[in-house]
Structure formats: structure tokens, C-alpha cells
Amino acid sequence: MTTEHRRAPRRRIVSVDRVGSWGGFQYLHTLECGHTESRKRTARTDEINCIWCLRTDVRDEEIRSLTSAQSTPLSAYTDGPNLVDEEIRMEKIRSTLAARFSVPVDAIGLSIEDDAGSLVVKNCVIYLSAADVARIVAPR
């Protein structure tokens, strides 16, 4: 019996099954907790230590410690509460430019920089296909 077995909780034996062939028998002790302990000989007592209960308790503690760790609030990933509003404002600028030139929103490239907590458009690049250029410069 190892040191690990000595710390394991004792459980009552429900049944014992003999498996294997001659010279290699093992006795499977089914315990009240539902786990099965394998031994070379049948137990002489009504209770034996359940190593699986010990292992699951240790894993449960590890899982609880991982899940109970403090999660990082979403505000830690942003530069402030107004960042989302600023991003929405920039997307509105992109969509207004796309509508003005009748091009897809993906064709608008904004260069944005942070100026004291608010986003400012530094410059804009509009990618036009040959068909878009012909449409824009064509006389009406």
C-alpha cells in the first residue's frame, strides 16, 4: 500500500469479482462510491481505501481553484468607456464615405490615431476599381 493509498477515504466493498486466467488472477473490488479497486488478493475487511475518490477530490480542488480565479474585467482591455463609442463613430465615417462614392465599405481604409482619448481620422484611402473610376468620372 503506497502513501497515496493511506490518505484515501475508506469505502465499503459492494462486490468482489475474480478476473484473469490461472496464475494471473486479479480481484476487482467494487466499492459503494462506484469506483473499482484491483488487487492481487481479495480483501479481508468490509472496507478498503478508494484511491479514485482521493484523485477525483484533488482534481475537483484544482478545477475549483482555476475557475474561482478572478477574471479580468472587460474595461481592462479597452482604453476607457468611450472607446466603443469612438469605434462606432469611425465605422459611421467609413460607411458615409462608402455611400458617397458608391463603393463597398471594405474599399475604405481609414488611418486613425488616438488624440487625448478620442479617435481622430489622420487620413483616408479609398480603393477604386477600374469600373468605379469610370463610373465616377463619367459625365452625367
C-alpha atoms as a PDB file:
ATOM      1  CA  MET A   1       0.000   0.000   0.000  1.00  0.00           C
ATOM      2  CA  THR A   2       1.522   3.319  -1.022  1.00  0.00           C
ATOM      3  CA  THR A   3       1.418   6.577   0.905  1.00  0.00           C
ATOM      4  CA  GLU A   4      -1.206   7.791  -1.522  1.00  0.00           C
ATOM      5  CA  HIS A   5      -3.464   4.860  -0.578  1.00  0.00           C
ATOM      6  CA  ARG A   6      -3.171   5.668   3.126  1.00  0.00           C
ATOM      7  CA  ARG A   7      -4.651   9.124   2.598  1.00  0.00           C
ATOM      8  CA  ALA A   8      -7.561   7.818   0.524  1.00  0.00           C
ATOM      9  CA  PRO A   9     -11.014   7.629   2.122  1.00  0.00           C
ATOM     10  CA  ARG A  10     -12.288   4.227   3.208  1.00  0.00           C
ATOM     11  CA  ARG A  11     -15.282   2.856   1.316  1.00  0.00           C
ATOM     12  CA  ARG A  12     -17.416  -0.231   1.864  1.00  0.00           C
ATOM     13  CA  ILE A  13     -16.981  -3.141  -0.563  1.00  0.00           C
ATOM     14  CA  VAL A  14     -20.147  -3.957  -2.524  1.00  0.00           C
ATOM     15  CA  SER A  15     -18.855  -6.923  -4.545  1.00  0.00           C
ATOM     16  CA  VAL A  16     -15.662  -8.750  -5.499  1.00  0.00           C
ATOM     17  CA  ASP A  17     -15.128 -10.247  -8.966  1.00  0.00           C
ATOM     18  CA  ARG A  18     -12.258 -12.533  -9.914  1.00  0.00           C
ATOM     19  CA  VAL A  19     -10.867 -11.913 -13.418  1.00  0.00           C
ATOM     20  CA  GLY A  20      -7.954 -13.320 -15.373  1.00  0.00           C
ATOM     21  CA  SER A  21      -6.542 -16.738 -16.041  1.00  0.00           C
ATOM     22  CA  TRP A  22      -4.800 -19.262 -13.837  1.00  0.00           C
ATOM     23  CA  GLY A  23      -1.726 -17.731 -12.210  1.00  0.00           C
ATOM     24  CA  GLY A  24      -2.804 -14.207 -13.153  1.00  0.00           C
ATOM     25  CA  PHE A  25      -5.987 -13.682 -11.216  1.00  0.00           C
ATOM     26  CA  GLN A  26      -6.943 -10.209 -10.035  1.00  0.00           C
ATOM     27  CA  TYR A  27      -9.779  -9.331  -7.731  1.00  0.00           C
ATOM     28  CA  LEU A  28     -11.890  -6.343  -8.692  1.00  0.00           C
ATOM     29  CA  HIS A  29     -13.440  -4.809  -5.594  1.00  0.00           C
ATOM     30  CA  THR A  30     -16.479  -2.697  -6.482  1.00  0.00           C
ATOM     31  CA  LEU A  31     -16.957  -0.042  -3.803  1.00  0.00           C
ATOM     32  CA  GLU A  32     -20.034   1.826  -2.595  1.00  0.00           C
ATOM     33  CA  CYS A  33     -18.786   5.011  -4.297  1.00  0.00           C
ATOM     34  CA  GLY A  34     -18.914   3.239  -7.688  1.00  0.00           C
ATOM     35  CA  HIS A  35     -15.153   3.003  -8.186  1.00  0.00           C
ATOM     36  CA  THR A  36     -13.309  -0.278  -8.666  1.00  0.00           C
ATOM     37  CA  GLU A  37     -10.046  -1.216  -6.927  1.00  0.00           C
ATOM     38  CA  SER A  38      -7.946  -4.007  -8.407  1.00  0.00           C
ATOM     39  CA  ARG A  39      -5.903  -6.195  -6.034  1.00  0.00           C
ATOM     40  CA  LYS A  40      -3.942  -9.444  -6.171  1.00  0.00           C
ATOM     41  CA  ARG A  41      -5.919 -10.885  -3.246  1.00  0.00           C
ATOM     42  CA  THR A  42      -9.425 -10.410  -2.002  1.00  0.00           C
ATOM     43  CA  ALA A  43      -9.752  -8.000   0.924  1.00  0.00           C
ATOM     44  CA  ARG A  44     -10.303  -9.485   4.385  1.00  0.00           C
ATOM     45  CA  THR A  45     -12.203  -6.432   5.657  1.00  0.00           C
ATOM     46  CA  ASP A  46     -15.519  -4.879   4.712  1.00  0.00           C
ATOM     47  CA  GLU A  47     -13.875  -1.552   3.798  1.00  0.00           C
ATOM     48  CA  ILE A  48     -10.822  -0.573   1.756  1.00  0.00           C
ATOM     49  CA  ASN A  49      -9.274   2.729   0.750  1.00  0.00           C
ATOM     50  CA  CYS A  50     -10.502   4.161  -2.572  1.00  0.00           C
ATOM     51  CA  ILE A  51      -7.638   5.832  -4.409  1.00  0.00           C
ATOM     52  CA  TRP A  52     -10.011   7.073  -7.122  1.00  0.00           C
ATOM     53  CA  CYS A  53     -12.042   9.108  -4.637  1.00  0.00           C
ATOM     54  CA  LEU A  54      -8.815  10.761  -3.480  1.00  0.00           C
ATOM     55  CA  ARG A  55      -7.739  11.514  -7.057  1.00  0.00           C
ATOM     56  CA  THR A  56     -11.108  12.988  -8.019  1.00  0.00           C
ATOM     57  CA  ASP A  57     -11.151  15.151  -4.871  1.00  0.00           C
ATOM     58  CA  VAL A  58      -7.718  16.524  -5.752  1.00  0.00           C
ATOM     59  CA  ARG A  59      -8.797  17.248  -9.338  1.00  0.00           C
ATOM     60  CA  ASP A  60     -12.017  18.899  -8.135  1.00  0.00           C
ATOM     61  CA  GLU A  61      -9.961  21.225  -5.917  1.00  0.00           C
ATOM     62  CA  GLU A  62      -7.682  22.100  -8.842  1.00  0.00           C
ATOM     63  CA  ILE A  63     -10.648  22.822 -11.093  1.00  0.00           C
ATOM     64  CA  ARG A  64     -12.327  24.963  -8.412  1.00  0.00           C
ATOM     65  CA  SER A  65      -9.144  26.970  -7.910  1.00  0.00           C
ATOM     66  CA  LEU A  66      -8.866  27.593 -11.650  1.00  0.00           C
ATOM     67  CA  THR A  67     -12.488  28.606 -12.082  1.00  0.00           C
ATOM     68  CA  SER A  68     -12.589  30.764  -8.966  1.00  0.00           C
ATOM     69  CA  ALA A  69      -9.614  32.851 -10.128  1.00  0.00           C
ATOM     70  CA  GLN A  70     -10.518  36.480 -10.615  1.00  0.00           C
ATOM     71  CA  SER A  71     -11.437  37.161 -14.210  1.00  0.00           C
ATOM     72  CA  THR A  72     -10.133  40.295 -15.864  1.00  0.00           C
ATOM     73  CA  PRO A  73     -12.880  42.856 -16.423  1.00  0.00           C
ATOM     74  CA  LEU A  74     -13.577  43.916 -19.994  1.00  0.00           C
ATOM     75  CA  SER A  75     -12.635  47.504 -19.168  1.00  0.00           C
ATOM     76  CA  ALA A  76      -9.030  46.372 -18.698  1.00  0.00           C
ATOM     77  CA  TYR A  77      -8.848  45.571 -22.429  1.00  0.00           C
ATOM     78  CA  THR A  78     -10.161  48.960 -23.509  1.00  0.00           C
ATOM     79  CA  ASP A  79      -8.762  52.439 -23.094  1.00  0.00           C
ATOM     80  CA  GLY A  80     -11.894  53.680 -21.408  1.00  0.00           C
ATOM     81  CA  PRO A  81     -15.657  53.529 -21.516  1.00  0.00           C
ATOM     82  CA  ASN A  82     -15.846  55.774 -24.596  1.00  0.00           C
ATOM     83  CA  LEU A  83     -13.632  53.586 -26.788  1.00  0.00           C
ATOM     84  CA  VAL A  84     -16.599  51.593 -28.074  1.00  0.00           C
ATOM     85  CA  ASP A  85     -18.451  54.822 -28.936  1.00  0.00           C
ATOM     86  CA  GLU A  86     -15.363  56.107 -30.754  1.00  0.00           C
ATOM     87  CA  GLU A  87     -15.068  52.874 -32.762  1.00  0.00           C
ATOM     88  CA  ILE A  88     -18.742  53.145 -33.727  1.00  0.00           C
ATOM     89  CA  ARG A  89     -18.169  56.763 -34.828  1.00  0.00           C
ATOM     90  CA  MET A  90     -15.239  55.661 -37.035  1.00  0.00           C
ATOM     91  CA  GLU A  91     -17.357  52.938 -38.656  1.00  0.00           C
ATOM     92  CA  LYS A  92     -20.068  55.524 -39.373  1.00  0.00           C
ATOM     93  CA  ILE A  93     -17.456  57.682 -41.114  1.00  0.00           C
ATOM     94  CA  ARG A  94     -16.386  54.686 -43.217  1.00  0.00           C
ATOM     95  CA  SER A  95     -19.975  53.876 -44.169  1.00  0.00           C
ATOM     96  CA  THR A  96     -20.732  57.524 -45.046  1.00  0.00           C
ATOM     97  CA  LEU A  97     -17.705  57.676 -47.357  1.00  0.00           C
ATOM     98  CA  ALA A  98     -18.659  54.321 -48.918  1.00  0.00           C
ATOM     99  CA  ALA A  99     -22.181  55.564 -49.578  1.00  0.00           C
ATOM    100  CA  ARG A 100     -20.922  58.877 -51.002  1.00  0.00           C
ATOM    101  CA  PHE A 101     -18.651  57.147 -53.552  1.00  0.00           C
ATOM    102  CA  SER A 102     -20.938  54.115 -54.044  1.00  0.00           C
ATOM    103  CA  VAL A 103     -18.202  51.628 -53.133  1.00  0.00           C
ATOM    104  CA  PRO A 104     -18.161  48.769 -50.612  1.00  0.00           C
ATOM    105  CA  VAL A 105     -17.206  49.618 -47.033  1.00  0.00           C
ATOM    106  CA  ASP A 106     -14.169  47.336 -47.397  1.00  0.00           C
ATOM    107  CA  ALA A 107     -12.811  49.714 -50.030  1.00  0.00           C
ATOM    108  CA  ILE A 108     -12.419  52.495 -47.436  1.00  0.00           C
ATOM    109  CA  GLY A 109      -9.166  52.494 -45.445  1.00  0.00           C
ATOM    110  CA  LEU A 110      -9.020  54.910 -42.526  1.00  0.00           C
ATOM    111  CA  SER A 111      -5.818  55.756 -40.716  1.00  0.00           C
ATOM    112  CA  ILE A 112      -6.865  56.546 -37.154  1.00  0.00           C
ATOM    113  CA  GLU A 113      -4.880  57.835 -34.191  1.00  0.00           C
ATOM    114  CA  ASP A 114      -5.690  58.450 -30.569  1.00  0.00           C
ATOM    115  CA  ASP A 115      -5.743  62.108 -29.585  1.00  0.00           C
ATOM    116  CA  ALA A 116      -6.237  62.533 -25.822  1.00  0.00           C
ATOM    117  CA  GLY A 117      -8.736  59.713 -25.525  1.00  0.00           C
ATOM    118  CA  SER A 118     -10.698  60.291 -28.717  1.00  0.00           C
ATOM    119  CA  LEU A 119     -10.048  58.773 -32.123  1.00  0.00           C
ATOM    120  CA  VAL A 120      -9.185  61.116 -34.986  1.00  0.00           C
ATOM    121  CA  VAL A 121      -9.014  60.326 -38.715  1.00  0.00           C
ATOM    122  CA  LYS A 122      -5.444  61.006 -39.816  1.00  0.00           C
ATOM    123  CA  ASN A 123      -6.042  60.197 -43.494  1.00  0.00           C
ATOM    124  CA  CYS A 124      -8.209  58.043 -45.708  1.00  0.00           C
ATOM    125  CA  VAL A 125      -7.511  55.819 -48.699  1.00  0.00           C
ATOM    126  CA  ILE A 126     -10.326  54.793 -50.996  1.00  0.00           C
ATOM    127  CA  TYR A 127      -9.596  51.811 -53.212  1.00  0.00           C
ATOM    128  CA  LEU A 128     -11.398  52.177 -56.506  1.00  0.00           C
ATOM    129  CA  SER A 129     -11.676  49.522 -59.171  1.00  0.00           C
ATOM    130  CA  ALA A 130     -11.419  50.479 -62.835  1.00  0.00           C
ATOM    131  CA  ALA A 131     -15.211  50.260 -63.114  1.00  0.00           C
ATOM    132  CA  ASP A 132     -15.634  52.571 -60.083  1.00  0.00           C
ATOM    133  CA  VAL A 133     -13.245  55.141 -61.582  1.00  0.00           C
ATOM    134  CA  ALA A 134     -15.071  55.049 -64.908  1.00  0.00           C
ATOM    135  CA  ARG A 135     -18.424  55.454 -63.170  1.00  0.00           C
ATOM    136  CA  ILE A 136     -17.248  58.405 -61.055  1.00  0.00           C
ATOM    137  CA  VAL A 137     -15.544  60.381 -63.852  1.00  0.00           C
ATOM    138  CA  ALA A 138     -18.214  59.695 -66.479  1.00  0.00           C
ATOM    139  CA  PRO A 139     -20.297  62.744 -67.437  1.00  0.00           C
ATOM    140  CA  ARG A 140     -23.836  62.666 -66.131  1.00  0.00           C
END
